[in-house]
Protein backbone atom coordinates (compact mmCIF):
# COMPACT_ATOMS: atom_id res chain seq x y z
CA MET A 1 -4.14 -30.03 32.23
CA GLY A 2 -2.85 -31.82 29.16
CA LYS A 3 0.06 -33.53 30.97
CA LYS A 4 1.29 -36.64 29.14
CA LEU A 5 0.34 -39.69 31.16
CA ASN A 6 3.26 -41.68 29.81
CA GLU A 7 5.51 -39.17 31.58
CA ILE A 8 3.76 -39.60 34.93
CA VAL A 9 4.85 -42.43 37.21
CA MET A 10 2.25 -42.50 39.93
CA LYS A 11 -0.66 -44.46 41.24
CA THR A 12 -3.73 -42.26 41.14
CA TYR A 13 -6.24 -44.43 42.93
CA ASN A 14 -6.59 -46.28 46.18
CA THR A 15 -8.78 -49.22 47.08
CA ASN A 16 -9.56 -48.11 50.63
CA GLY A 17 -12.36 -45.64 49.90
CA ILE A 18 -15.37 -45.84 47.62
CA GLN A 19 -14.44 -44.66 44.15
CA LYS A 20 -17.02 -43.22 41.75
CA ILE A 21 -15.97 -43.64 38.13
CA LEU A 22 -17.53 -42.56 34.84
CA ILE A 23 -16.79 -44.38 31.59
CA ILE A 24 -17.58 -42.50 28.37
CA MET A 25 -18.19 -44.36 25.11
CA LEU A 26 -20.95 -42.63 23.22
CA TYR A 27 -21.73 -44.66 20.16
CA ARG A 28 -21.44 -47.55 17.70
CA ILE A 29 -22.29 -51.11 18.62
CA GLY A 30 -18.75 -52.42 18.35
CA ASP A 31 -17.07 -49.55 20.17
CA VAL A 32 -19.49 -49.71 23.10
CA LEU A 33 -19.13 -53.50 23.39
CA LEU A 34 -15.35 -53.21 23.24
CA THR A 35 -15.51 -50.88 26.26
CA THR A 36 -17.37 -53.37 28.50
CA PRO A 37 -14.13 -55.08 29.65
CA VAL A 38 -13.09 -51.72 31.13
CA VAL A 39 -16.13 -51.86 33.42
CA SER A 40 -15.54 -55.45 34.52
CA GLU A 41 -11.85 -54.85 35.19
CA ILE A 42 -12.50 -51.73 37.27
CA LYS A 43 -15.00 -53.73 39.32
CA ARG A 44 -12.41 -56.47 39.79
CA LEU A 45 -9.59 -54.12 40.68
CA ILE A 46 -11.57 -51.81 42.99
CA PRO A 47 -14.13 -53.77 45.03
CA GLY A 48 -17.07 -51.55 45.85
CA ALA A 49 -16.37 -49.06 43.06
CA ILE A 50 -19.42 -47.29 41.63
CA VAL A 51 -19.26 -47.29 37.85
CA HIS A 52 -21.45 -45.11 35.63
CA PHE A 53 -21.50 -45.34 31.84
CA LEU A 54 -22.28 -42.45 29.49
CA VAL A 55 -23.65 -43.44 26.07
CA GLU A 56 -25.85 -41.95 23.38
CA LYS A 57 -29.52 -42.81 23.78
CA SER A 58 -29.55 -44.79 20.51
CA PHE A 59 -27.04 -47.27 21.95
CA PHE A 60 -28.58 -47.67 25.40
CA ASP A 61 -29.62 -51.27 24.75
CA ILE A 62 -26.01 -52.36 24.30
CA VAL A 63 -25.35 -51.89 28.01
CA SER A 64 -28.82 -51.58 29.56
CA LEU A 65 -28.78 -55.01 31.24
CA ASN A 66 -25.10 -55.09 32.16
CA PRO A 67 -25.10 -55.86 35.91
CA GLN A 68 -21.60 -54.44 36.37
CA ILE A 69 -22.75 -50.93 35.47
CA ASP A 70 -24.34 -49.17 38.42
CA GLU A 71 -26.01 -46.43 36.38
CA ILE A 72 -26.28 -45.46 32.73
CA LEU A 73 -26.31 -41.80 31.72
CA LEU A 74 -27.71 -40.85 28.32
CA LEU A 75 -26.51 -38.20 25.92
CA GLU A 76 -29.44 -36.88 23.90
CA LYS A 77 -29.51 -34.58 20.87
CA LYS A 78 -31.62 -31.76 22.30
CA LEU A 79 -30.01 -28.85 24.13
CA ILE A 80 -31.99 -28.93 27.39
CA PRO A 81 -31.23 -32.61 28.12
CA GLN A 82 -27.55 -31.90 27.35
CA LEU A 83 -27.47 -29.02 29.82
CA ASN A 84 -29.16 -31.21 32.41
CA LEU A 85 -26.51 -33.85 31.78
CA ILE A 86 -23.72 -31.35 32.47
CA PHE A 87 -25.32 -30.38 35.79
CA ARG A 88 -25.68 -34.06 36.62
CA LEU A 89 -22.01 -34.75 35.85
CA ARG A 90 -20.94 -31.93 38.15
CA LYS A 91 -23.28 -33.10 40.89
CA GLU A 92 -21.86 -36.64 40.85
CA LYS A 93 -18.35 -35.46 41.79
CA TYR A 94 -16.60 -38.35 40.08
CA ASN A 95 -13.18 -39.43 41.32
CA PHE A 96 -12.30 -40.55 37.80
CA ILE A 97 -13.62 -39.98 34.31
CA PHE A 98 -12.22 -42.07 31.47
CA ASP A 99 -13.22 -40.67 28.09
CA PHE A 100 -12.68 -43.50 25.61
CA GLN A 101 -14.54 -41.57 22.90
CA SER A 102 -12.30 -38.51 23.12
CA ASN A 103 -14.18 -36.61 20.43
CA PRO A 104 -15.06 -32.89 20.76
CA ARG A 105 -18.40 -33.51 22.52
CA SER A 106 -17.15 -36.07 25.00
CA ALA A 107 -14.01 -34.03 25.72
CA LEU A 108 -16.11 -30.92 26.45
CA LEU A 109 -18.44 -32.88 28.74
CA THR A 110 -15.41 -34.22 30.57
CA LEU A 111 -13.97 -30.73 30.99
CA LEU A 112 -17.26 -29.32 32.29
CA SER A 113 -17.75 -32.19 34.74
CA GLY A 114 -15.39 -30.75 37.32
CA ALA A 115 -14.19 -34.27 38.10
CA GLU A 116 -11.14 -34.82 40.26
CA LYS A 117 -9.13 -36.82 37.70
CA THR A 118 -10.04 -36.90 34.01
CA PHE A 119 -8.35 -39.06 31.40
CA GLY A 120 -8.56 -39.03 27.62
CA TYR A 121 -6.47 -39.48 24.52
CA ASP A 122 -3.93 -36.94 23.34
CA PHE A 123 -5.79 -36.00 20.16
CA ASN A 124 -5.03 -32.49 18.86
CA ILE A 125 -6.39 -29.60 20.92
CA ARG A 126 -8.63 -31.95 22.90
CA ARG A 127 -5.63 -32.93 25.01
CA TYR A 128 -6.17 -29.70 26.96
CA PHE A 129 -9.67 -30.80 28.01
CA TYR A 130 -8.30 -33.51 30.33
CA LYS A 131 -6.26 -33.40 33.50
CA TYR A 132 -4.19 -36.23 32.01
CA ALA A 133 -3.91 -36.89 28.27
CA TYR A 134 -2.51 -40.18 27.07
CA ARG A 135 -0.76 -40.43 23.73
CA PRO A 136 -1.48 -43.87 22.19
CA ASN A 137 1.43 -45.81 20.79
CA ALA A 138 1.41 -47.04 17.21
CA ARG A 139 1.95 -50.70 18.08
CA PRO A 140 -0.71 -52.98 16.52
CA GLN A 141 -3.00 -54.26 19.25
CA TYR A 142 -6.54 -55.42 19.90
CA ALA A 143 -9.04 -52.60 20.54
CA VAL A 144 -9.60 -53.71 24.13
CA ASP A 145 -5.86 -53.44 24.80
CA PHE A 146 -5.91 -49.98 23.26
CA LYS A 147 -8.55 -48.98 25.82
CA PHE A 148 -6.76 -50.78 28.64
CA ASN A 149 -3.69 -48.62 28.02
CA LEU A 150 -5.68 -45.59 29.15
CA LEU A 151 -6.50 -47.41 32.38
CA ARG A 152 -2.89 -48.51 32.81
CA SER A 153 -1.72 -44.93 32.49
CA ALA A 154 -3.85 -44.14 35.54
CA GLY A 155 -2.28 -46.92 37.61
CA PHE A 156 -4.76 -49.70 36.92
CA ASN A 157 -3.61 -53.14 35.78
CA PRO A 158 -6.41 -54.64 33.64
CA GLU A 159 -5.96 -58.16 32.30
CA LYS A 160 -9.16 -59.82 31.07
CA HIS A 161 -10.30 -58.95 27.54
CA SER A 162 -13.73 -60.57 27.43
CA THR A 163 -16.55 -58.35 26.15
CA PHE A 164 -20.04 -58.64 27.60
CA PHE A 165 -23.58 -58.44 26.28
CA TYR A 166 -26.76 -59.23 28.19
CA PHE A 167 -30.30 -59.93 27.03
CA SER A 168 -33.50 -60.89 28.81
CA LYS A 169 -35.32 -64.20 29.07
CA ASP A 170 -37.99 -62.79 26.78
CA ASP A 171 -35.34 -62.01 24.17
CA GLY A 172 -34.20 -65.62 24.37
CA LEU A 173 -37.75 -66.90 23.94
CA THR A 174 -38.25 -64.64 20.93
CA ALA A 175 -35.06 -65.97 19.35
CA GLU A 176 -36.17 -69.54 20.00
CA LYS A 177 -39.55 -68.83 18.41
CA ILE A 178 -37.94 -67.39 15.29
CA LEU A 179 -35.68 -70.42 14.88
CA ASN A 180 -38.68 -72.73 15.26
CA GLN A 181 -40.56 -70.79 12.60
CA LEU A 182 -37.60 -71.17 10.25
CA ASN A 183 -37.32 -74.86 11.17
CA ILE A 184 -33.73 -74.29 12.30
CA LYS A 185 -32.13 -76.19 15.16
CA GLU A 186 -29.65 -74.76 17.66
CA LYS A 187 -26.02 -74.85 16.46
CA LYS A 188 -27.25 -75.88 13.01
CA PHE A 189 -26.89 -72.53 11.25
CA PHE A 190 -24.41 -69.81 10.41
CA ILE A 191 -25.03 -66.09 10.85
CA LEU A 192 -24.17 -64.19 7.67
CA SER A 193 -23.79 -60.42 7.82
CA THR A 194 -23.28 -58.82 4.41
CA THR A 195 -23.53 -55.16 5.39
CA SER A 196 -21.49 -52.49 7.10
CA ARG A 197 -22.10 -48.86 7.96
CA ARG A 198 -19.09 -48.03 5.79
CA LYS A 199 -19.28 -49.03 2.13
CA THR A 200 -15.55 -49.65 1.99
CA ARG A 201 -15.95 -52.48 4.52
CA ARG A 202 -18.52 -54.35 2.44
CA TRP A 203 -17.42 -57.39 0.50
CA LEU A 204 -19.23 -57.60 -2.84
CA PRO A 205 -22.85 -58.90 -2.65
CA GLU A 206 -22.31 -61.32 -5.55
CA TYR A 207 -19.27 -62.73 -3.75
CA PHE A 208 -21.36 -63.42 -0.67
CA VAL A 209 -23.92 -65.25 -2.82
CA LYS A 210 -21.24 -67.43 -4.38
CA LEU A 211 -19.64 -68.12 -1.00
CA ALA A 212 -22.98 -69.05 0.58
CA CYS A 213 -23.78 -71.47 -2.25
CA MET A 214 -20.43 -73.22 -1.81
CA VAL A 215 -20.76 -73.38 1.99
CA TYR A 216 -24.29 -74.76 1.83
CA LYS A 217 -23.40 -77.30 -0.84
CA ASP A 218 -20.44 -78.58 1.18
CA THR A 219 -21.92 -78.53 4.70
CA GLY A 220 -25.69 -78.58 4.20
CA ILE A 221 -25.89 -75.87 6.88
CA PRO A 222 -28.11 -72.87 6.06
CA LEU A 223 -26.89 -69.31 6.41
CA LEU A 224 -29.19 -66.88 8.22
CA LEU A 225 -29.06 -63.41 6.70
CA VAL A 226 -29.38 -60.54 9.15
CA ALA A 227 -30.31 -56.95 8.30
CA GLY A 228 -30.17 -53.92 10.54
CA PRO A 229 -32.19 -50.70 10.28
CA GLY A 230 -32.12 -49.39 6.70
CA GLU A 231 -30.41 -52.51 5.35
CA ARG A 232 -33.42 -54.65 4.52
CA GLU A 233 -33.58 -53.90 0.79
CA TYR A 234 -29.84 -54.48 0.34
CA VAL A 235 -29.98 -57.84 2.13
CA GLN A 236 -33.21 -58.88 0.37
CA ARG A 237 -31.48 -58.63 -3.00
CA ILE A 238 -28.77 -61.01 -1.79
CA TYR A 239 -31.36 -63.41 -0.38
CA ASP A 240 -33.26 -63.50 -3.68
CA LYS A 241 -30.14 -64.78 -5.49
CA CYS A 242 -29.99 -68.07 -3.56
CA LYS A 243 -33.07 -68.77 -1.46
CA GLU A 244 -32.10 -72.41 -1.10
CA CYS A 245 -29.01 -71.71 1.00
CA PHE A 246 -30.27 -68.61 2.83
CA ARG A 247 -32.85 -67.94 5.50
CA LEU A 248 -33.83 -64.31 5.91
CA LEU A 249 -34.25 -63.26 9.52
CA PRO A 250 -37.09 -60.90 10.44
CA PRO A 251 -36.26 -57.48 11.94
CA LEU A 252 -34.64 -57.94 15.35
CA THR A 253 -33.77 -55.73 18.28
CA ILE A 254 -30.11 -55.82 19.26
CA LYS A 255 -30.97 -57.95 22.30
CA GLN A 256 -32.98 -60.42 20.23
CA ALA A 257 -30.08 -60.60 17.79
CA GLY A 258 -27.67 -61.35 20.64
CA ALA A 259 -29.92 -64.12 21.94
CA LEU A 260 -30.26 -65.67 18.49
CA PHE A 261 -26.56 -65.36 17.66
CA ARG A 262 -25.64 -67.31 20.77
CA SER A 263 -27.42 -70.34 19.29
CA ALA A 264 -25.48 -70.22 16.00
CA LYS A 265 -22.39 -72.13 14.91
CA MET A 266 -20.42 -69.17 13.64
CA TYR A 267 -20.57 -65.58 12.46
CA ILE A 268 -19.45 -65.06 8.87
CA GLY A 269 -19.32 -61.59 7.39
CA ASN A 270 -17.91 -58.11 7.21
CA ASP A 271 -16.14 -56.15 9.90
CA ASN A 272 -19.12 -54.49 11.63
CA GLY A 273 -20.97 -54.13 14.92
CA LEU A 274 -22.70 -57.51 14.61
CA LYS A 275 -19.31 -59.18 14.47
CA HIS A 276 -18.51 -57.68 17.88
CA LEU A 277 -21.95 -58.69 19.16
CA SER A 278 -21.09 -62.25 18.10
CA VAL A 279 -17.82 -62.11 20.01
CA ALA A 280 -19.59 -60.82 23.11
CA VAL A 281 -22.04 -63.77 23.18
CA GLY A 282 -19.26 -66.31 22.66
CA LEU A 283 -19.81 -67.06 18.97
CA PRO A 284 -16.80 -67.98 16.78
CA THR A 285 -16.26 -65.44 14.01
CA PHE A 286 -14.83 -65.43 10.50
CA THR A 287 -14.42 -61.85 9.30
CA ILE A 288 -13.75 -60.51 5.83
CA PHE A 289 -11.55 -57.43 6.03
CA GLY A 290 -10.84 -54.63 3.59
CA PRO A 291 -9.32 -51.27 4.59
CA SER A 292 -9.62 -51.72 8.37
CA GLN A 293 -6.98 -53.33 10.58
CA PRO A 294 -7.71 -56.99 11.52
CA SER A 295 -5.41 -57.05 14.55
CA TYR A 296 -7.25 -54.07 16.07
CA TRP A 297 -10.76 -55.44 15.54
CA THR A 298 -10.20 -59.18 16.16
CA PRO A 299 -9.75 -60.83 19.57
CA PRO A 300 -6.46 -62.77 19.83
CA ASP A 301 -8.28 -66.07 20.38
CA ALA A 302 -8.30 -69.29 18.37
CA ILE A 303 -12.06 -69.18 17.73
CA HIS A 304 -11.79 -65.92 15.79
CA ARG A 305 -10.29 -65.80 12.30
CA TRP A 306 -10.03 -63.21 9.56
CA ILE A 307 -9.10 -63.00 5.89
CA ARG A 308 -8.09 -60.24 3.52
CA THR A 309 -6.24 -59.81 0.26
CA ASP A 310 -2.79 -58.29 -0.14
CA VAL A 311 -2.79 -55.01 -2.04
CA ASP A 312 -0.45 -52.05 -1.80
CA CYS A 313 -3.02 -49.86 -0.05
CA ILE A 314 -4.26 -52.41 2.50
CA GLU A 315 -5.18 -51.01 5.94
CA CYS A 316 -5.61 -47.53 4.42
CA GLY A 317 -8.59 -47.00 6.72
CA ARG A 318 -10.50 -45.01 4.12
CA VAL A 319 -14.25 -44.57 4.46
CA GLU A 320 -14.65 -43.71 0.78
CA CYS A 321 -12.96 -45.32 -2.21
CA ASP A 322 -13.81 -45.39 -5.91
CA ASN A 323 -12.05 -48.71 -6.45
CA ILE A 324 -12.12 -50.80 -3.24
CA LYS A 325 -9.74 -53.26 -4.87
CA CYS A 326 -9.02 -54.85 -1.49
CA MET A 327 -12.57 -56.22 -1.62
CA LYS A 328 -12.82 -56.83 -5.36
CA LEU A 329 -9.63 -58.89 -5.48
CA LEU A 330 -10.62 -61.14 -2.59
CA ALA A 331 -12.09 -64.08 -4.54
CA PRO A 332 -14.98 -66.14 -3.12
CA GLU A 333 -13.06 -69.35 -3.86
CA ARG A 334 -10.19 -68.29 -1.64
CA VAL A 335 -12.53 -67.20 1.15
CA PHE A 336 -14.40 -70.51 0.92
CA GLU A 337 -11.15 -72.49 1.18
CA GLU A 338 -10.05 -70.60 4.29
CA LEU A 339 -13.51 -70.71 5.84
CA LEU A 340 -13.92 -74.44 5.31
CA SER A 341 -10.53 -75.07 6.88
CA PHE A 342 -11.51 -72.93 9.86
CA ILE A 343 -14.84 -74.76 10.29
CA ARG A 344 -12.99 -78.08 10.41
CA GLU A 345 -10.40 -76.68 12.79
CA LEU A 346 -13.14 -75.52 15.15
CA ASP A 347 -14.37 -79.09 15.30
CA ASN A 348 -11.24 -79.85 17.30
CA ILE A 349 -11.35 -76.64 19.37
CA THR A 350 -15.01 -76.17 20.31
CA ASN A 351 -16.86 -79.09 18.75
CA VAL A 352 -18.75 -76.55 16.63
CA VAL A 353 -19.10 -78.95 13.71
CA LYS A 354 -20.17 -82.46 14.52
C-alpha cells in the first residue's frame, strides 16, 4: 500500500467485464457537484460499469436524482449505521474505490472496504490507507481536472468537465410559482448570493448593497437574494438596505434552488456552493474572490468570470483573518465596471441580455 501512482505505468482496468466502482465525496455542495463529472466519465469510458456514490446524509439531495449513479450510500453520524456501512462496503467487493475526499474518515472506510484497488491522495499518513496513493501536482488547475488526475493515474482518460445537477418536475413547478408570486419573468433576474460558509470568502455586505443599486439602476433587472440555512438574518439585513433593487427569495430546498437558478440570467456573488450549483444548471457566473484560488474553483469557459483585488497575501487560503483586506480593498465601483462589461459580453455569447 501507499505506492505512488505517478511511478506506476500500468492500466488497471479492462472494459470486458462488469466493473463495480465506488466514488467517495462526503460533503459540501460544491465539492460533491464537482465530483459528478467523474461519474459521467466512468460511465462513458466503461460501458456497463456499476457506479456507487458515498456521501454524507446531509448532502444526499445533491446527487439523489442523478441517473448516472446506480446507488447512493450514506454516511451517518451514529456508530451503528457506520458499522453497517463498513459491512456493506466489504460485501459489495468493489473493483475500484476512488476516495476524492481523502480525509481520515473516508480513508479509513476505504481501507476497511477490502476493495481490490483503492485510490486516494497522498496526504500525510493517510497515504498508507490506499493501495495506490497519488501525489497531486502544484500546477494551477480547475477542481474537476484535479479530480480527473486521480482517475488518470488509474489508467482512465477523462475529458468532459461538465458538472450535473438534477431536480424533479415538482421542483420546477415550485420555482415557477415563486417567480410568479414575485412578478418576475424567466431570464429577467439575477441571482445574488452574499454569503459563504467561510467568513473570509464574504465580500462586505455594504459593498453588495452598493453594487446591487448600481446594477439595478443601469439594467432595470432585479437581483434575487438567496439565503441558505442559518443565513436568513444576515441576508435580511442586506435586503432591508435596498428593497427597490432586491427581491428576497423564500427558503428553498437545494433542488428548488437549482430549478429556480436555471431560469435566471446570471449568478453574482461569493465563492460558495450556490455558485457551483449555478454552474451545474448552466447559469453564467460572476464570482467575487478573496483568499481562495479562482482558477481552481472556476470552470475554464467563457460564460464564467471572476474578479479579485491584488494584495500581497492573495490566495492565502485562510479560513480566519482579522483584516480580510482582499475583500475590503475590492471596491464596488470596480466590481460594477467589470460586471457590466461581462453582462454586455454575454449578449454576444449566449444572448443573456437582450
